Amino acid sequence: MSKRYMCPVCGFTGLQELPYNQENLPSYEICPCCGFEFGFDGDNNQDTFATFRKLWIDRGAQWFKPDLKPKYWDRKEQLNNLNKNNFETD
């Protein structure tokens, strides 16, 4: 199984790359859940992530790529991933 990474905006744990590497360079990957593009939509900054997260939630927390939405997706459970503060998953 390949390593997956968590989106610091919405808590999705299926990113292919670390959003920002050790040198703080962005991956430019787009989160299929919230649609945030690392390096385009903002910096590696908690304020940027929180602002985009609020906007995403206020707009109904719709999946950016709905065809990739898990069948039993739970927004609250996914957002709880952010409390774990672990951006690498197996």
N, C-alpha and C. Protein backbone atom coordinates (compact mmCIF):
# COMPACT_ATOMS: atom_id res chain seq x y z
N MET A 1 0.85 -1.17 0.00
CA MET A 1 0.00 0.00 0.00
C MET A 1 0.90 1.25 0.00
N SER A 2 0.60 2.20 -0.84
CA SER A 2 1.40 3.42 -0.90
C SER A 2 0.97 4.38 0.20
N LYS A 3 1.90 5.22 0.60
CA LYS A 3 1.64 6.20 1.65
C LYS A 3 0.65 7.24 1.13
N ARG A 4 -0.24 7.67 1.99
CA ARG A 4 -1.21 8.71 1.69
C ARG A 4 -1.00 9.86 2.67
N TYR A 5 -1.50 11.01 2.30
CA TYR A 5 -1.31 12.20 3.11
C TYR A 5 -2.64 12.89 3.36
N MET A 6 -2.70 13.63 4.46
CA MET A 6 -3.93 14.28 4.86
C MET A 6 -3.97 15.73 4.38
N CYS A 7 -5.14 16.13 3.95
CA CYS A 7 -5.37 17.53 3.57
C CYS A 7 -5.52 18.36 4.85
N PRO A 8 -4.68 19.40 5.02
CA PRO A 8 -4.79 20.23 6.22
C PRO A 8 -6.00 21.17 6.22
N VAL A 9 -6.75 21.17 5.13
CA VAL A 9 -7.95 21.99 5.05
C VAL A 9 -9.16 21.20 5.53
N CYS A 10 -9.38 20.01 4.97
CA CYS A 10 -10.62 19.26 5.25
C CYS A 10 -10.41 17.93 5.98
N GLY A 11 -9.16 17.49 6.14
CA GLY A 11 -8.91 16.24 6.84
C GLY A 11 -8.98 15.00 5.97
N PHE A 12 -9.19 15.15 4.66
CA PHE A 12 -9.21 14.00 3.75
C PHE A 12 -7.85 13.30 3.81
N THR A 13 -7.84 11.98 3.93
CA THR A 13 -6.59 11.24 4.12
C THR A 13 -6.17 10.44 2.89
N GLY A 14 -6.46 10.94 1.71
CA GLY A 14 -6.11 10.20 0.51
C GLY A 14 -5.24 10.97 -0.48
N LEU A 15 -4.56 12.04 -0.03
CA LEU A 15 -3.71 12.78 -0.97
C LEU A 15 -2.52 11.92 -1.38
N GLN A 16 -2.09 12.07 -2.61
CA GLN A 16 -0.97 11.31 -3.16
C GLN A 16 0.38 11.84 -2.69
N GLU A 17 0.44 13.15 -2.39
CA GLU A 17 1.68 13.79 -2.00
C GLU A 17 1.49 14.63 -0.74
N LEU A 18 2.58 14.86 -0.03
CA LEU A 18 2.55 15.76 1.11
C LEU A 18 2.23 17.15 0.57
N PRO A 19 1.24 17.86 1.13
CA PRO A 19 0.85 19.16 0.58
C PRO A 19 2.01 20.14 0.44
N TYR A 20 2.89 20.18 1.43
CA TYR A 20 4.08 21.04 1.39
C TYR A 20 5.25 20.19 1.91
N ASN A 21 6.35 20.16 1.17
CA ASN A 21 7.47 19.33 1.57
C ASN A 21 8.32 20.00 2.65
N GLN A 22 9.44 19.38 2.98
CA GLN A 22 10.32 19.88 4.06
C GLN A 22 10.82 21.30 3.78
N GLU A 23 10.97 21.64 2.50
CA GLU A 23 11.43 22.99 2.13
C GLU A 23 10.27 23.96 1.95
N ASN A 24 9.06 23.52 2.33
CA ASN A 24 7.84 24.32 2.23
C ASN A 24 7.41 24.58 0.78
N LEU A 25 7.84 23.70 -0.12
CA LEU A 25 7.41 23.80 -1.52
C LEU A 25 6.10 23.04 -1.69
N PRO A 26 5.15 23.61 -2.41
CA PRO A 26 3.83 22.99 -2.55
C PRO A 26 3.83 21.84 -3.56
N SER A 27 2.90 20.93 -3.37
CA SER A 27 2.75 19.79 -4.29
C SER A 27 1.93 20.17 -5.52
N TYR A 28 1.11 21.19 -5.44
CA TYR A 28 0.14 21.59 -6.47
C TYR A 28 -0.94 20.53 -6.69
N GLU A 29 -1.02 19.56 -5.78
CA GLU A 29 -2.10 18.58 -5.84
C GLU A 29 -3.39 19.27 -5.42
N ILE A 30 -4.49 18.86 -6.02
CA ILE A 30 -5.80 19.39 -5.68
C ILE A 30 -6.52 18.34 -4.85
N CYS A 31 -6.98 18.73 -3.68
CA CYS A 31 -7.72 17.79 -2.83
C CYS A 31 -9.05 17.45 -3.52
N PRO A 32 -9.33 16.15 -3.74
CA PRO A 32 -10.58 15.78 -4.40
C PRO A 32 -11.81 16.04 -3.54
N CYS A 33 -11.60 16.26 -2.25
CA CYS A 33 -12.72 16.52 -1.36
C CYS A 33 -13.08 18.01 -1.34
N CYS A 34 -12.16 18.86 -0.88
CA CYS A 34 -12.48 20.28 -0.71
C CYS A 34 -12.07 21.15 -1.90
N GLY A 35 -11.21 20.64 -2.79
CA GLY A 35 -10.81 21.38 -3.97
C GLY A 35 -9.65 22.34 -3.76
N PHE A 36 -9.05 22.34 -2.58
CA PHE A 36 -7.91 23.22 -2.32
C PHE A 36 -6.70 22.74 -3.11
N GLU A 37 -6.03 23.66 -3.81
CA GLU A 37 -4.81 23.32 -4.55
C GLU A 37 -3.61 23.91 -3.81
N PHE A 38 -2.75 23.04 -3.32
CA PHE A 38 -1.60 23.45 -2.52
C PHE A 38 -0.59 24.15 -3.41
N GLY A 39 -0.33 25.43 -3.07
CA GLY A 39 0.58 26.25 -3.84
C GLY A 39 -0.13 27.23 -4.75
N PHE A 40 -1.40 27.01 -4.99
CA PHE A 40 -2.18 27.94 -5.81
C PHE A 40 -3.18 28.70 -4.96
N ASP A 41 -3.94 27.97 -4.13
CA ASP A 41 -4.99 28.59 -3.32
C ASP A 41 -4.45 29.28 -2.08
N GLY A 42 -3.24 29.00 -1.69
CA GLY A 42 -2.70 29.64 -0.50
C GLY A 42 -1.37 29.08 -0.09
N ASP A 43 -0.86 29.63 0.98
CA ASP A 43 0.43 29.21 1.52
C ASP A 43 0.22 28.10 2.55
N ASN A 44 1.34 27.57 3.01
CA ASN A 44 1.33 26.58 4.09
C ASN A 44 1.08 27.34 5.39
N ASN A 45 -0.17 27.75 5.58
CA ASN A 45 -0.51 28.67 6.64
C ASN A 45 -1.83 28.24 7.26
N GLN A 46 -1.85 28.07 8.57
CA GLN A 46 -3.07 27.62 9.25
C GLN A 46 -4.24 28.58 9.06
N ASP A 47 -3.95 29.89 8.98
CA ASP A 47 -5.04 30.86 8.75
C ASP A 47 -5.67 30.64 7.39
N THR A 48 -4.86 30.40 6.37
CA THR A 48 -5.38 30.13 5.02
C THR A 48 -6.23 28.87 5.03
N PHE A 49 -5.73 27.82 5.68
CA PHE A 49 -6.48 26.56 5.74
C PHE A 49 -7.80 26.74 6.47
N ALA A 50 -7.78 27.44 7.59
CA ALA A 50 -9.00 27.65 8.38
C ALA A 50 -10.01 28.49 7.61
N THR A 51 -9.54 29.50 6.90
CA THR A 51 -10.43 30.36 6.10
C THR A 51 -11.08 29.56 4.98
N PHE A 52 -10.29 28.77 4.26
CA PHE A 52 -10.83 27.96 3.17
C PHE A 52 -11.77 26.89 3.72
N ARG A 53 -11.40 26.29 4.87
CA ARG A 53 -12.25 25.27 5.51
C ARG A 53 -13.61 25.85 5.83
N LYS A 54 -13.64 27.03 6.44
CA LYS A 54 -14.91 27.67 6.79
C LYS A 54 -15.74 27.94 5.54
N LEU A 55 -15.12 28.43 4.51
CA LEU A 55 -15.82 28.69 3.25
C LEU A 55 -16.38 27.40 2.67
N TRP A 56 -15.58 26.33 2.68
CA TRP A 56 -16.01 25.03 2.17
C TRP A 56 -17.22 24.52 2.96
N ILE A 57 -17.15 24.61 4.29
CA ILE A 57 -18.26 24.15 5.14
C ILE A 57 -19.49 25.03 4.94
N ASP A 58 -19.29 26.36 4.88
CA ASP A 58 -20.41 27.28 4.68
C ASP A 58 -21.13 27.03 3.36
N ARG A 59 -20.40 26.51 2.39
CA ARG A 59 -21.00 26.20 1.08
C ARG A 59 -21.57 24.79 1.02
N GLY A 60 -21.63 24.12 2.15
CA GLY A 60 -22.26 22.81 2.21
C GLY A 60 -21.30 21.64 2.19
N ALA A 61 -20.00 21.89 2.28
CA ALA A 61 -18.98 20.83 2.32
C ALA A 61 -19.17 19.83 1.17
N GLN A 62 -19.41 20.36 -0.01
CA GLN A 62 -19.59 19.52 -1.19
C GLN A 62 -18.25 18.98 -1.69
N TRP A 63 -18.25 17.76 -2.18
CA TRP A 63 -17.03 17.17 -2.73
C TRP A 63 -16.68 17.83 -4.05
N PHE A 64 -15.42 18.20 -4.20
CA PHE A 64 -14.91 18.81 -5.42
C PHE A 64 -14.99 17.80 -6.58
N LYS A 65 -14.64 16.57 -6.31
CA LYS A 65 -14.75 15.48 -7.29
C LYS A 65 -15.72 14.44 -6.73
N PRO A 66 -17.02 14.65 -6.94
CA PRO A 66 -18.03 13.79 -6.31
C PRO A 66 -17.90 12.31 -6.66
N ASP A 67 -17.31 12.00 -7.81
CA ASP A 67 -17.17 10.59 -8.19
C ASP A 67 -16.16 9.86 -7.30
N LEU A 68 -15.35 10.58 -6.53
CA LEU A 68 -14.37 9.98 -5.62
C LEU A 68 -14.85 9.96 -4.17
N LYS A 69 -16.04 10.47 -3.93
CA LYS A 69 -16.59 10.52 -2.57
C LYS A 69 -16.88 9.10 -2.08
N PRO A 70 -16.34 8.72 -0.91
CA PRO A 70 -16.64 7.39 -0.36
C PRO A 70 -18.14 7.24 -0.08
N LYS A 71 -18.62 6.03 -0.23
CA LYS A 71 -20.04 5.75 -0.07
C LYS A 71 -20.56 6.14 1.31
N TYR A 72 -19.78 5.86 2.35
CA TYR A 72 -20.23 6.15 3.72
C TYR A 72 -19.43 7.31 4.32
N TRP A 73 -19.24 8.35 3.54
CA TRP A 73 -18.45 9.50 3.99
C TRP A 73 -19.15 10.23 5.13
N ASP A 74 -18.34 10.62 6.11
CA ASP A 74 -18.85 11.36 7.27
C ASP A 74 -17.98 12.60 7.45
N ARG A 75 -18.55 13.77 7.19
CA ARG A 75 -17.81 15.02 7.26
C ARG A 75 -17.19 15.24 8.65
N LYS A 76 -17.97 15.01 9.70
CA LYS A 76 -17.46 15.23 11.06
C LYS A 76 -16.27 14.32 11.35
N GLU A 77 -16.39 13.07 10.98
CA GLU A 77 -15.29 12.12 11.20
C GLU A 77 -14.04 12.56 10.45
N GLN A 78 -14.22 13.00 9.21
CA GLN A 78 -13.07 13.44 8.42
C GLN A 78 -12.43 14.69 9.03
N LEU A 79 -13.24 15.65 9.45
CA LEU A 79 -12.70 16.86 10.08
C LEU A 79 -11.98 16.54 11.38
N ASN A 80 -12.39 15.48 12.07
CA ASN A 80 -11.70 15.06 13.30
C ASN A 80 -10.27 14.61 13.02
N ASN A 81 -9.98 14.22 11.78
CA ASN A 81 -8.60 13.86 11.41
C ASN A 81 -7.66 15.02 11.67
N LEU A 82 -8.17 16.25 11.52
CA LEU A 82 -7.33 17.43 11.71
C LEU A 82 -6.84 17.54 13.15
N ASN A 83 -7.60 17.03 14.10
CA ASN A 83 -7.20 17.06 15.51
C ASN A 83 -6.04 16.13 15.81
N LYS A 84 -5.85 15.13 14.95
CA LYS A 84 -4.76 14.16 15.16
C LYS A 84 -3.42 14.75 14.74
N ASN A 85 -3.46 15.77 13.87
CA ASN A 85 -2.26 16.50 13.44
C ASN A 85 -1.18 15.59 12.88
N ASN A 86 -1.58 14.51 12.23
CA ASN A 86 -0.64 13.59 11.60
C ASN A 86 -0.95 13.59 10.11
N PHE A 87 -0.06 14.18 9.32
CA PHE A 87 -0.34 14.37 7.91
C PHE A 87 0.07 13.20 7.03
N GLU A 88 0.66 12.15 7.63
CA GLU A 88 0.99 10.95 6.87
C GLU A 88 0.13 9.81 7.37
N THR A 89 -0.43 9.03 6.43
CA THR A 89 -1.24 7.88 6.78
C THR A 89 -0.71 6.68 6.00
N ASP A 90 -1.09 5.50 6.43
CA ASP A 90 -0.69 4.28 5.70
C ASP A 90 -1.84 3.71 4.93
